């Protein structure tokens, strides 16, 4: 499993927006220069984030983008889902195979004979469990948690170690 570069840029753009204390919004030119990505590509990414209510677009000459809510309320999971979509990571494609019938959790052998391909895919069960753990981990990490970690690593006490 690999997330796209768009997700990488989205997360970094949001961290930059949250970190910027000098003004409320940042223009696409500054964001694209900071991230080293074209304005048109970043505009598409920011548009997805705007559609999902993660950022606001501020119109006008001095406009740009700003976070729609506090950085502590924006999770990695929702950013990833805004960019990558909300589809399941794994889909069992082997439901009609002999192997699936042998592995399926059934209440009786009669059901197996009468309904080939029925029952839960045990591989999918494991993969769904892994996906749930991943989602929980990504829900626990926010844009603010990254800024807090960066501040902790840059503190004078951290540098003495």
N, C-alpha and C. Protein backbone atom coordinates (compact mmCIF):
# COMPACT_ATOMS: atom_id res chain seq x y z
N UNK A 1 0.84 -1.17 0.00
CA UNK A 1 0.00 0.00 0.00
C UNK A 1 0.89 1.24 0.00
N UNK A 2 0.55 2.16 -0.86
CA UNK A 2 1.33 3.40 -0.93
C UNK A 2 0.38 4.55 -1.21
N UNK A 3 0.54 5.63 -0.45
CA UNK A 3 -0.25 6.82 -0.68
C UNK A 3 0.41 7.66 -1.77
N UNK A 4 -0.39 8.43 -2.47
CA UNK A 4 0.11 9.24 -3.58
C UNK A 4 0.89 10.45 -3.08
N UNK A 5 1.64 11.04 -3.97
CA UNK A 5 2.37 12.28 -3.66
C UNK A 5 1.39 13.39 -3.30
N UNK A 6 0.18 13.33 -3.86
CA UNK A 6 -0.83 14.34 -3.54
C UNK A 6 -1.14 14.35 -2.05
N UNK A 7 -1.20 13.18 -1.44
CA UNK A 7 -1.44 13.09 0.00
C UNK A 7 -0.28 13.70 0.75
N UNK A 8 0.93 13.41 0.33
CA UNK A 8 2.13 13.98 0.94
C UNK A 8 2.07 15.51 0.88
N UNK A 9 1.79 16.06 -0.30
CA UNK A 9 1.72 17.52 -0.45
C UNK A 9 0.58 18.11 0.36
N UNK A 10 -0.56 17.42 0.41
CA UNK A 10 -1.70 17.92 1.18
C UNK A 10 -1.34 18.04 2.66
N UNK A 11 -0.73 17.00 3.21
CA UNK A 11 -0.36 17.02 4.62
C UNK A 11 0.66 18.12 4.91
N UNK A 12 1.65 18.25 4.05
CA UNK A 12 2.67 19.29 4.25
C UNK A 12 2.08 20.70 4.08
N UNK A 13 1.17 20.86 3.15
CA UNK A 13 0.53 22.17 2.97
C UNK A 13 -0.27 22.54 4.22
N UNK A 14 -1.00 21.58 4.77
CA UNK A 14 -1.79 21.84 5.98
C UNK A 14 -0.89 22.16 7.18
N UNK A 15 0.23 21.47 7.28
CA UNK A 15 1.17 21.76 8.36
C UNK A 15 1.71 23.18 8.20
N UNK A 16 2.01 23.57 6.97
CA UNK A 16 2.50 24.93 6.72
C UNK A 16 1.42 25.97 7.06
N UNK A 17 0.19 25.70 6.68
CA UNK A 17 -0.90 26.62 7.02
C UNK A 17 -1.07 26.74 8.53
N UNK A 18 -0.98 25.63 9.22
CA UNK A 18 -1.16 25.64 10.68
C UNK A 18 0.02 26.31 11.38
N UNK A 19 1.19 26.16 10.82
CA UNK A 19 2.40 26.71 11.44
C UNK A 19 2.55 28.21 11.21
N UNK A 20 1.99 28.70 10.14
CA UNK A 20 2.14 30.11 9.80
C UNK A 20 1.37 30.98 10.79
N UNK A 21 2.09 31.75 11.57
CA UNK A 21 1.46 32.60 12.58
C UNK A 21 1.37 34.05 12.14
N UNK A 22 1.99 34.40 11.03
CA UNK A 22 2.04 35.81 10.65
C UNK A 22 0.77 36.33 10.01
N UNK A 23 -0.03 35.44 9.44
CA UNK A 23 -1.33 35.85 8.89
C UNK A 23 -2.24 34.64 8.77
N UNK A 24 -3.50 34.91 8.54
CA UNK A 24 -4.49 33.83 8.55
C UNK A 24 -4.46 32.96 7.32
N UNK A 25 -4.17 33.52 6.16
CA UNK A 25 -4.19 32.70 4.95
C UNK A 25 -2.89 32.83 4.18
N UNK A 26 -2.64 31.84 3.36
CA UNK A 26 -1.41 31.81 2.57
C UNK A 26 -1.80 31.54 1.12
N UNK A 27 -1.23 32.31 0.23
CA UNK A 27 -1.51 32.18 -1.19
C UNK A 27 -0.91 30.92 -1.79
N UNK A 28 -1.47 30.53 -2.91
CA UNK A 28 -1.03 29.31 -3.58
C UNK A 28 0.41 29.44 -4.07
N UNK A 29 0.84 30.65 -4.45
CA UNK A 29 2.23 30.84 -4.89
C UNK A 29 3.21 30.51 -3.77
N UNK A 30 2.93 31.02 -2.58
CA UNK A 30 3.82 30.77 -1.45
C UNK A 30 3.81 29.29 -1.07
N UNK A 31 2.63 28.70 -1.03
CA UNK A 31 2.53 27.28 -0.69
C UNK A 31 3.27 26.41 -1.70
N UNK A 32 3.08 26.70 -2.98
CA UNK A 32 3.74 25.88 -4.00
C UNK A 32 5.26 26.05 -3.95
N UNK A 33 5.73 27.28 -3.69
CA UNK A 33 7.16 27.50 -3.56
C UNK A 33 7.73 26.77 -2.34
N UNK A 34 7.00 26.80 -1.25
CA UNK A 34 7.45 26.14 -0.03
C UNK A 34 7.54 24.63 -0.22
N UNK A 35 6.59 24.06 -0.96
CA UNK A 35 6.55 22.61 -1.14
C UNK A 35 7.32 22.13 -2.37
N UNK A 36 7.68 23.07 -3.25
CA UNK A 36 8.41 22.69 -4.46
C UNK A 36 7.55 21.94 -5.45
N UNK A 37 6.30 22.38 -5.61
CA UNK A 37 5.36 21.73 -6.52
C UNK A 37 4.67 22.83 -7.33
N UNK A 38 4.19 22.48 -8.51
CA UNK A 38 3.56 23.49 -9.37
C UNK A 38 2.27 24.01 -8.75
N UNK A 39 1.96 25.26 -9.05
CA UNK A 39 0.75 25.89 -8.54
C UNK A 39 -0.50 25.16 -9.02
N UNK A 40 -0.52 24.73 -10.28
CA UNK A 40 -1.71 24.08 -10.81
C UNK A 40 -1.96 22.73 -10.11
N UNK A 41 -0.91 21.97 -9.88
CA UNK A 41 -1.03 20.68 -9.19
C UNK A 41 -1.51 20.90 -7.75
N UNK A 42 -0.90 21.86 -7.07
CA UNK A 42 -1.28 22.13 -5.69
C UNK A 42 -2.70 22.68 -5.60
N UNK A 43 -3.11 23.46 -6.59
CA UNK A 43 -4.48 23.99 -6.61
C UNK A 43 -5.51 22.87 -6.64
N UNK A 44 -5.22 21.82 -7.40
CA UNK A 44 -6.13 20.67 -7.46
C UNK A 44 -6.21 19.97 -6.10
N UNK A 45 -5.09 19.86 -5.44
CA UNK A 45 -5.04 19.24 -4.11
C UNK A 45 -5.83 20.08 -3.12
N UNK A 46 -5.59 21.39 -3.14
CA UNK A 46 -6.27 22.28 -2.21
C UNK A 46 -7.77 22.32 -2.47
N UNK A 47 -8.15 22.15 -3.72
CA UNK A 47 -9.57 22.11 -4.06
C UNK A 47 -10.25 20.91 -3.41
N UNK A 48 -9.58 19.76 -3.41
CA UNK A 48 -10.13 18.57 -2.74
C UNK A 48 -10.26 18.81 -1.24
N UNK A 49 -9.26 19.45 -0.66
CA UNK A 49 -9.30 19.74 0.78
C UNK A 49 -10.42 20.73 1.09
N UNK A 50 -10.65 21.67 0.20
CA UNK A 50 -11.73 22.64 0.38
C UNK A 50 -13.08 21.95 0.28
N UNK A 51 -13.24 21.07 -0.69
CA UNK A 51 -14.51 20.35 -0.86
C UNK A 51 -14.84 19.49 0.35
N UNK A 52 -13.84 18.99 1.04
CA UNK A 52 -14.07 18.17 2.24
C UNK A 52 -14.12 19.01 3.52
N UNK A 53 -14.06 20.31 3.39
CA UNK A 53 -14.19 21.18 4.56
C UNK A 53 -12.96 21.24 5.45
N UNK A 54 -11.81 20.94 4.90
CA UNK A 54 -10.57 20.96 5.68
C UNK A 54 -9.92 22.35 5.62
N UNK A 55 -10.02 23.00 4.47
CA UNK A 55 -9.52 24.38 4.32
C UNK A 55 -10.64 25.26 3.77
N UNK A 56 -10.43 26.57 3.96
CA UNK A 56 -11.29 27.58 3.34
C UNK A 56 -10.45 28.30 2.29
N UNK A 57 -11.07 28.64 1.19
CA UNK A 57 -10.42 29.49 0.19
C UNK A 57 -10.82 30.93 0.50
N UNK A 58 -9.82 31.80 0.61
CA UNK A 58 -10.07 33.21 0.87
C UNK A 58 -9.89 33.94 -0.45
N UNK A 59 -10.98 34.53 -0.98
CA UNK A 59 -10.89 35.20 -2.28
C UNK A 59 -10.19 36.56 -2.18
N UNK A 60 -9.80 37.06 -3.33
CA UNK A 60 -9.23 38.40 -3.40
C UNK A 60 -7.74 38.40 -3.67
N UNK A 61 -7.23 39.62 -3.83
CA UNK A 61 -5.81 39.80 -4.15
C UNK A 61 -4.91 39.23 -3.06
N UNK A 62 -5.28 39.45 -1.82
CA UNK A 62 -4.49 38.93 -0.70
C UNK A 62 -5.05 37.61 -0.18
N UNK A 63 -5.80 36.94 -1.01
CA UNK A 63 -6.44 35.69 -0.61
C UNK A 63 -5.49 34.52 -0.64
N UNK A 64 -6.05 33.39 -0.37
CA UNK A 64 -5.28 32.16 -0.34
C UNK A 64 -6.08 31.09 0.35
N UNK A 65 -5.41 30.31 1.17
CA UNK A 65 -6.07 29.24 1.90
C UNK A 65 -5.77 29.36 3.39
N UNK A 66 -6.74 28.91 4.18
CA UNK A 66 -6.56 28.84 5.62
C UNK A 66 -7.26 27.57 6.12
N UNK A 67 -6.87 27.12 7.28
CA UNK A 67 -7.52 25.94 7.85
C UNK A 67 -8.97 26.27 8.18
N UNK A 68 -9.85 25.33 7.93
CA UNK A 68 -11.27 25.54 8.20
C UNK A 68 -11.59 25.36 9.69
N UNK A 69 -10.72 24.69 10.41
CA UNK A 69 -10.89 24.50 11.85
C UNK A 69 -9.51 24.30 12.48
N UNK A 70 -9.45 24.25 13.79
CA UNK A 70 -8.14 24.12 14.44
C UNK A 70 -7.36 22.89 13.98
N UNK A 71 -6.05 23.03 13.95
CA UNK A 71 -5.16 21.95 13.48
C UNK A 71 -5.31 20.69 14.32
N UNK A 72 -5.70 20.82 15.56
CA UNK A 72 -5.88 19.67 16.43
C UNK A 72 -7.12 18.85 16.10
N UNK A 73 -7.97 19.39 15.25
CA UNK A 73 -9.19 18.69 14.85
C UNK A 73 -9.09 18.09 13.44
N UNK A 74 -7.97 18.28 12.78
CA UNK A 74 -7.79 17.77 11.42
C UNK A 74 -6.90 16.53 11.51
N UNK A 75 -7.51 15.36 11.28
CA UNK A 75 -6.76 14.11 11.41
C UNK A 75 -6.09 13.72 10.10
N UNK A 76 -5.06 12.93 10.23
CA UNK A 76 -4.40 12.40 9.04
C UNK A 76 -5.38 11.57 8.22
N UNK A 77 -6.24 10.81 8.90
CA UNK A 77 -7.18 9.96 8.18
C UNK A 77 -8.09 10.77 7.28
N UNK A 78 -8.65 11.87 7.78
CA UNK A 78 -9.57 12.62 6.93
C UNK A 78 -8.85 13.29 5.76
N UNK A 79 -7.61 13.68 5.95
CA UNK A 79 -6.84 14.26 4.84
C UNK A 79 -6.58 13.19 3.79
N UNK A 80 -6.15 12.03 4.22
CA UNK A 80 -5.88 10.93 3.29
C UNK A 80 -7.16 10.56 2.53
N UNK A 81 -8.27 10.47 3.24
CA UNK A 81 -9.53 10.12 2.58
C UNK A 81 -9.99 11.21 1.61
N UNK A 82 -9.72 12.47 1.93
CA UNK A 82 -10.09 13.55 1.02
C UNK A 82 -9.31 13.45 -0.29
N UNK A 83 -8.06 13.05 -0.20
CA UNK A 83 -7.20 12.97 -1.38
C UNK A 83 -7.32 11.62 -2.09
N UNK A 84 -7.25 10.53 -1.33
CA UNK A 84 -7.21 9.19 -1.93
C UNK A 84 -8.59 8.59 -2.17
N UNK A 85 -9.59 9.08 -1.45
CA UNK A 85 -10.92 8.49 -1.53
C UNK A 85 -11.17 7.61 -0.32
N UNK A 86 -12.37 7.09 -0.24
CA UNK A 86 -12.78 6.34 0.94
C UNK A 86 -13.04 4.86 0.66
N UNK A 87 -12.43 4.32 -0.35
CA UNK A 87 -12.64 2.91 -0.68
C UNK A 87 -11.87 2.03 0.29
N UNK A 88 -12.32 0.77 0.41
CA UNK A 88 -11.62 -0.19 1.24
C UNK A 88 -10.27 -0.52 0.60
N UNK A 89 -9.29 -0.79 1.44
CA UNK A 89 -7.95 -1.10 0.94
C UNK A 89 -7.86 -2.50 0.35
N UNK A 90 -8.73 -3.40 0.79
CA UNK A 90 -8.65 -4.79 0.33
C UNK A 90 -10.04 -5.29 0.00
N UNK A 91 -10.14 -6.00 -1.09
CA UNK A 91 -11.39 -6.62 -1.49
C UNK A 91 -11.10 -8.07 -1.83
N UNK A 92 -11.82 -8.99 -1.22
CA UNK A 92 -11.63 -10.42 -1.48
C UNK A 92 -12.16 -10.74 -2.88
N UNK A 93 -11.28 -11.17 -3.75
CA UNK A 93 -11.70 -11.46 -5.13
C UNK A 93 -11.78 -12.97 -5.36
N UNK A 94 -11.67 -13.72 -4.31
CA UNK A 94 -11.57 -15.16 -4.43
C UNK A 94 -12.80 -15.88 -3.87
N UNK A 95 -13.93 -15.21 -3.80
CA UNK A 95 -15.12 -15.76 -3.14
C UNK A 95 -15.67 -17.02 -3.80
N UNK A 96 -15.48 -17.20 -5.08
CA UNK A 96 -16.04 -18.35 -5.78
C UNK A 96 -15.05 -19.49 -5.98
N UNK A 97 -13.89 -19.38 -5.38
CA UNK A 97 -12.87 -20.42 -5.59
C UNK A 97 -13.06 -21.59 -4.63
N UNK A 98 -12.45 -22.69 -4.99
CA UNK A 98 -12.48 -23.88 -4.14
C UNK A 98 -11.77 -23.58 -2.83
N UNK A 99 -10.68 -22.83 -2.90
CA UNK A 99 -9.95 -22.50 -1.69
C UNK A 99 -10.83 -21.72 -0.72
N UNK A 100 -11.58 -20.75 -1.23
CA UNK A 100 -12.46 -19.98 -0.36
C UNK A 100 -13.48 -20.88 0.32
N UNK A 101 -14.05 -21.79 -0.45
CA UNK A 101 -15.06 -22.70 0.12
C UNK A 101 -14.45 -23.53 1.24
N UNK A 102 -13.19 -23.93 1.08
CA UNK A 102 -12.53 -24.72 2.12
C UNK A 102 -12.24 -23.87 3.37
N UNK A 103 -11.95 -22.59 3.17
CA UNK A 103 -11.59 -21.72 4.28
C UNK A 103 -12.78 -21.00 4.90
N UNK A 104 -13.89 -20.96 4.19
CA UNK A 104 -15.05 -20.18 4.65
C UNK A 104 -15.54 -20.67 6.01
N UNK A 105 -15.91 -19.72 6.82
CA UNK A 105 -16.49 -20.06 8.11
C UNK A 105 -17.98 -20.29 7.90
N UNK A 106 -18.39 -21.55 7.95
CA UNK A 106 -19.78 -21.92 7.70
C UNK A 106 -20.33 -22.64 8.92
N UNK A 107 -21.62 -22.63 9.05
CA UNK A 107 -22.28 -23.32 10.16
C UNK A 107 -22.50 -24.80 9.87
N UNK A 108 -22.33 -25.20 8.62
CA UNK A 108 -22.52 -26.62 8.31
C UNK A 108 -22.08 -26.93 6.90
N UNK A 109 -21.71 -28.15 6.66
CA UNK A 109 -21.24 -28.57 5.34
C UNK A 109 -22.34 -28.45 4.29
N UNK A 110 -23.58 -28.57 4.70
CA UNK A 110 -24.71 -28.48 3.76
C UNK A 110 -24.76 -27.09 3.11
N UNK A 111 -24.52 -26.05 3.89
CA UNK A 111 -24.54 -24.69 3.33
C UNK A 111 -23.45 -24.52 2.29
N UNK A 112 -22.31 -25.15 2.50
CA UNK A 112 -21.21 -25.03 1.55
C UNK A 112 -21.61 -25.63 0.21
N UNK A 113 -22.24 -26.79 0.24
CA UNK A 113 -22.64 -27.44 -1.02
C UNK A 113 -23.74 -26.66 -1.73
N UNK A 114 -24.66 -26.09 -0.97
CA UNK A 114 -25.81 -25.42 -1.58
C UNK A 114 -25.51 -23.98 -2.01
N UNK A 115 -24.54 -23.37 -1.38
CA UNK A 115 -24.25 -21.97 -1.71
C UNK A 115 -22.75 -21.77 -1.88
N UNK A 116 -22.21 -22.15 -3.04
CA UNK A 116 -20.77 -21.97 -3.26
C UNK A 116 -20.39 -20.50 -3.17
N UNK A 117 -19.27 -20.26 -2.56
CA UNK A 117 -18.77 -18.90 -2.47
C UNK A 117 -19.37 -18.12 -1.32
N UNK A 118 -20.25 -18.73 -0.54
CA UNK A 118 -20.84 -17.99 0.57
C UNK A 118 -19.90 -18.06 1.77
N UNK A 119 -20.16 -17.24 2.74
CA UNK A 119 -19.35 -17.23 3.96
C UNK A 119 -18.33 -16.12 3.92
N UNK A 120 -17.75 -15.88 5.06
CA UNK A 120 -16.80 -14.79 5.22
C UNK A 120 -15.43 -15.20 4.67
N UNK A 121 -14.82 -14.31 3.96
CA UNK A 121 -13.45 -14.52 3.47
C UNK A 121 -12.50 -14.28 4.64
N UNK A 122 -11.78 -15.30 5.04
CA UNK A 122 -10.89 -15.18 6.19
C UNK A 122 -9.70 -14.27 5.92
N UNK A 123 -9.27 -14.22 4.68
CA UNK A 123 -8.19 -13.30 4.33
C UNK A 123 -8.69 -11.87 4.48
N UNK A 124 -9.90 -11.61 4.00
CA UNK A 124 -10.49 -10.27 4.11
C UNK A 124 -10.67 -9.88 5.57
N UNK A 125 -11.01 -10.86 6.42
CA UNK A 125 -11.19 -10.59 7.84
C UNK A 125 -9.88 -10.06 8.45
N UNK A 126 -8.78 -10.68 8.11
CA UNK A 126 -7.47 -10.24 8.60
C UNK A 126 -7.14 -8.85 8.05
N UNK A 127 -7.37 -8.67 6.75
CA UNK A 127 -7.05 -7.39 6.12
C UNK A 127 -7.92 -6.26 6.66
N UNK A 128 -9.20 -6.55 6.92
CA UNK A 128 -10.08 -5.53 7.50
C UNK A 128 -9.61 -5.14 8.90
N UNK A 129 -9.13 -6.11 9.66
CA UNK A 129 -8.59 -5.81 10.99
C UNK A 129 -7.39 -4.88 10.90
N UNK A 130 -6.51 -5.17 9.94
CA UNK A 130 -5.34 -4.31 9.75
C UNK A 130 -5.76 -2.90 9.33
N UNK A 131 -6.75 -2.81 8.45
CA UNK A 131 -7.23 -1.51 8.00
C UNK A 131 -7.84 -0.73 9.16
N UNK A 132 -8.57 -1.41 10.03
CA UNK A 132 -9.16 -0.73 11.20
C UNK A 132 -8.07 -0.18 12.11
N UNK A 133 -7.00 -0.94 12.32
CA UNK A 133 -5.89 -0.45 13.14
C UNK A 133 -5.22 0.76 12.48
N UNK A 134 -5.02 0.69 11.19
CA UNK A 134 -4.43 1.81 10.46
C UNK A 134 -5.30 3.05 10.59
N UNK A 135 -6.60 2.89 10.38
CA UNK A 135 -7.52 4.03 10.49
C UNK A 135 -7.49 4.63 11.90
N UNK A 136 -7.47 3.77 12.90
CA UNK A 136 -7.42 4.28 14.28
C UNK A 136 -6.14 5.07 14.51
N UNK A 137 -5.03 4.57 14.06
CA UNK A 137 -3.74 5.26 14.21
C UNK A 137 -3.77 6.62 13.51
N UNK A 138 -4.30 6.64 12.29
CA UNK A 138 -4.35 7.89 11.53
C UNK A 138 -5.37 8.87 12.12
N UNK A 139 -6.40 8.36 12.80
CA UNK A 139 -7.37 9.22 13.49
C UNK A 139 -6.73 9.88 14.71
N UNK A 140 -5.79 9.20 15.33
CA UNK A 140 -5.14 9.70 16.54
C UNK A 140 -4.09 10.77 16.25
N UNK A 141 -3.66 10.88 15.01
CA UNK A 141 -2.64 11.86 14.65
C UNK A 141 -3.26 13.00 13.87
N UNK A 142 -2.98 14.20 14.34
CA UNK A 142 -3.55 15.39 13.73
C UNK A 142 -2.43 16.29 13.21
N UNK A 143 -2.83 17.29 12.48
CA UNK A 143 -1.87 18.29 12.00
C UNK A 143 -1.16 18.92 13.20
N UNK A 144 -1.92 19.19 14.25
CA UNK A 144 -1.33 19.79 15.46
C UNK A 144 -0.35 18.85 16.14
N UNK A 145 -0.62 17.55 16.13
CA UNK A 145 0.30 16.61 16.78
C UNK A 145 1.67 16.62 16.11
N UNK A 146 1.69 16.86 14.81
CA UNK A 146 2.98 16.96 14.10
C UNK A 146 3.71 18.23 14.52
N UNK A 147 2.97 19.33 14.61
CA UNK A 147 3.58 20.60 15.05
C UNK A 147 4.09 20.49 16.48
N UNK A 148 3.33 19.81 17.35
CA UNK A 148 3.76 19.62 18.73
C UNK A 148 5.03 18.79 18.80
N UNK A 149 5.11 17.75 17.99
CA UNK A 149 6.31 16.91 17.95
C UNK A 149 7.51 17.70 17.44
N UNK A 150 7.28 18.52 16.42
CA UNK A 150 8.38 19.35 15.89
C UNK A 150 8.86 20.35 16.94
N UNK A 151 7.93 20.95 17.67
CA UNK A 151 8.29 21.91 18.71
C UNK A 151 9.07 21.23 19.83
N UNK A 152 8.67 20.02 20.17
CA UNK A 152 9.35 19.25 21.21
C UNK A 152 10.78 18.93 20.77
N UNK A 153 10.94 18.57 19.50
CA UNK A 153 12.27 18.22 18.99
C UNK A 153 13.18 19.44 18.84
N UNK A 154 12.58 20.61 18.72
CA UNK A 154 13.37 21.84 18.54
C UNK A 154 13.58 22.59 19.84
N UNK A 155 13.03 22.12 20.94
CA UNK A 155 13.16 22.82 22.21
C UNK A 155 14.58 22.73 22.72
N UNK A 156 15.05 23.72 23.50
CA UNK A 156 16.41 23.69 24.03
C UNK A 156 16.70 22.43 24.84
N UNK A 157 15.72 21.93 25.58
CA UNK A 157 15.93 20.71 26.37
C UNK A 157 16.22 19.51 25.47
N UNK A 158 15.55 19.44 24.32
CA UNK A 158 15.76 18.32 23.40
C UNK A 158 17.14 18.40 22.77
N UNK A 159 17.64 19.62 22.56
CA UNK A 159 18.95 19.78 21.92
C UNK A 159 20.10 19.43 22.84
N UNK A 160 19.88 19.41 24.16
CA UNK A 160 20.93 19.09 25.11
C UNK A 160 21.24 17.61 25.16
N UNK A 161 20.33 16.78 24.70
CA UNK A 161 20.50 15.33 24.78
C UNK A 161 21.53 14.83 23.81
